[in-house]
Amino acid sequence: MGLGAIGIPGLILILIIALVLFGPNKLPELGRAFGKTLKEFKKGANGILDEDDKKKQDMTRKEINESEVTQSKNEKEDNRRLPE
């Protein structure tokens, strides 16, 4: 039973209960506060995901650079072994 199982009648019932509990003047303020909280949460979550993606990209670049250095060292050693 997830959030998708509430349906339209359930949402209407929740809105009516909220209207009775908080009144018509306080409801818009609560909605704005909830919206701001949700926006900040998404912003923080995206920031964490962006940091993780950046770390992965840096690690991949570092691995590529290390493999290039290893290849160039191996090529230099192979050139030294060849008879002239």
Protein backbone atom coordinates (compact mmCIF):
# COMPACT_ATOMS: atom_id res chain seq x y z
CA MET A 1 0.00 0.00 0.00
CA GLY A 2 1.98 2.90 -1.27
CA LEU A 3 1.16 6.51 -1.82
CA GLY A 4 -0.31 5.65 -5.22
CA ALA A 5 -3.16 3.74 -3.56
CA ILE A 6 -4.67 6.88 -1.98
CA GLY A 7 -6.61 8.02 -5.03
CA ILE A 8 -8.75 11.10 -5.60
CA PRO A 9 -11.31 10.46 -2.82
CA GLY A 10 -8.51 9.97 -0.28
CA LEU A 11 -6.82 13.22 -1.32
CA ILE A 12 -10.10 15.12 -1.02
CA LEU A 13 -10.61 13.69 2.46
CA ILE A 14 -7.08 14.68 3.52
CA LEU A 15 -7.61 18.24 2.20
CA ILE A 16 -10.92 18.57 4.06
CA ILE A 17 -9.32 17.37 7.31
CA ALA A 18 -6.39 19.78 6.84
CA LEU A 19 -8.82 22.65 6.17
CA VAL A 20 -10.75 21.89 9.35
CA LEU A 21 -7.62 21.50 11.50
CA PHE A 22 -5.65 24.51 10.27
CA GLY A 23 -8.28 26.83 8.84
CA PRO A 24 -8.36 28.58 5.47
CA ASN A 25 -5.87 31.29 6.47
CA LYS A 26 -3.11 28.97 7.68
CA LEU A 27 -3.36 26.41 4.85
CA PRO A 28 -1.54 28.49 2.16
CA GLU A 29 1.30 29.19 4.61
CA LEU A 30 1.66 25.47 5.33
CA GLY A 31 1.69 24.73 1.60
CA ARG A 32 4.45 27.28 0.99
CA ALA A 33 6.51 25.94 3.88
CA PHE A 34 6.11 22.37 2.59
CA GLY A 35 7.09 23.48 -0.92
CA LYS A 36 10.21 25.26 0.33
CA THR A 37 11.21 22.24 2.40
CA LEU A 38 10.76 19.91 -0.56
CA LYS A 39 12.76 22.27 -2.80
CA GLU A 40 15.66 22.40 -0.32
CA PHE A 41 15.63 18.62 0.05
CA LYS A 42 15.80 18.13 -3.73
CA LYS A 43 18.58 20.71 -3.99
CA GLY A 44 20.61 18.92 -1.31
CA ALA A 45 20.03 15.51 -2.86
CA ASN A 46 21.09 16.78 -6.30
CA GLY A 47 24.21 18.34 -4.76
CA ILE A 48 25.21 15.01 -3.25
CA LEU A 49 24.59 13.19 -6.53
CA ASP A 50 26.59 15.80 -8.47
CA GLU A 51 29.52 15.39 -6.07
CA ASP A 52 29.44 11.62 -6.53
CA ASP A 53 29.36 11.98 -10.33
CA LYS A 54 32.30 14.40 -10.22
CA LYS A 55 34.31 11.99 -8.03
CA LYS A 56 33.61 9.14 -10.45
CA GLN A 57 34.72 11.26 -13.41
CA ASP A 58 37.90 12.30 -11.60
CA MET A 59 38.67 8.67 -10.73
CA THR A 60 38.13 7.63 -14.36
CA ARG A 61 40.41 10.41 -15.63
CA LYS A 62 43.05 9.45 -13.08
CA GLU A 63 42.90 5.79 -14.16
CA ILE A 64 43.22 6.79 -17.83
CA ASN A 65 46.20 9.01 -17.09
CA GLU A 66 47.88 6.24 -15.08
CA SER A 67 47.38 3.74 -17.89
CA GLU A 68 48.83 6.21 -20.43
CA VAL A 69 51.89 6.74 -18.22
CA THR A 70 52.33 2.98 -17.84
CA GLN A 71 52.05 2.50 -21.61
CA SER A 72 54.60 5.19 -22.35
CA LYS A 73 57.03 3.65 -19.81
CA ASN A 74 56.57 0.24 -21.40
CA GLU A 75 57.21 1.68 -24.85
CA LYS A 76 60.43 3.33 -23.65
CA GLU A 77 61.61 0.05 -22.14
CA ASP A 78 60.78 -1.81 -25.37
CA ASN A 79 62.78 0.73 -27.38
CA ARG A 80 65.81 0.18 -25.13
CA ARG A 81 65.70 -3.57 -25.67
CA LEU A 82 65.67 -3.43 -29.46
CA PRO A 83 69.06 -3.89 -31.08
CA GLU A 84 70.30 -0.99 -33.15
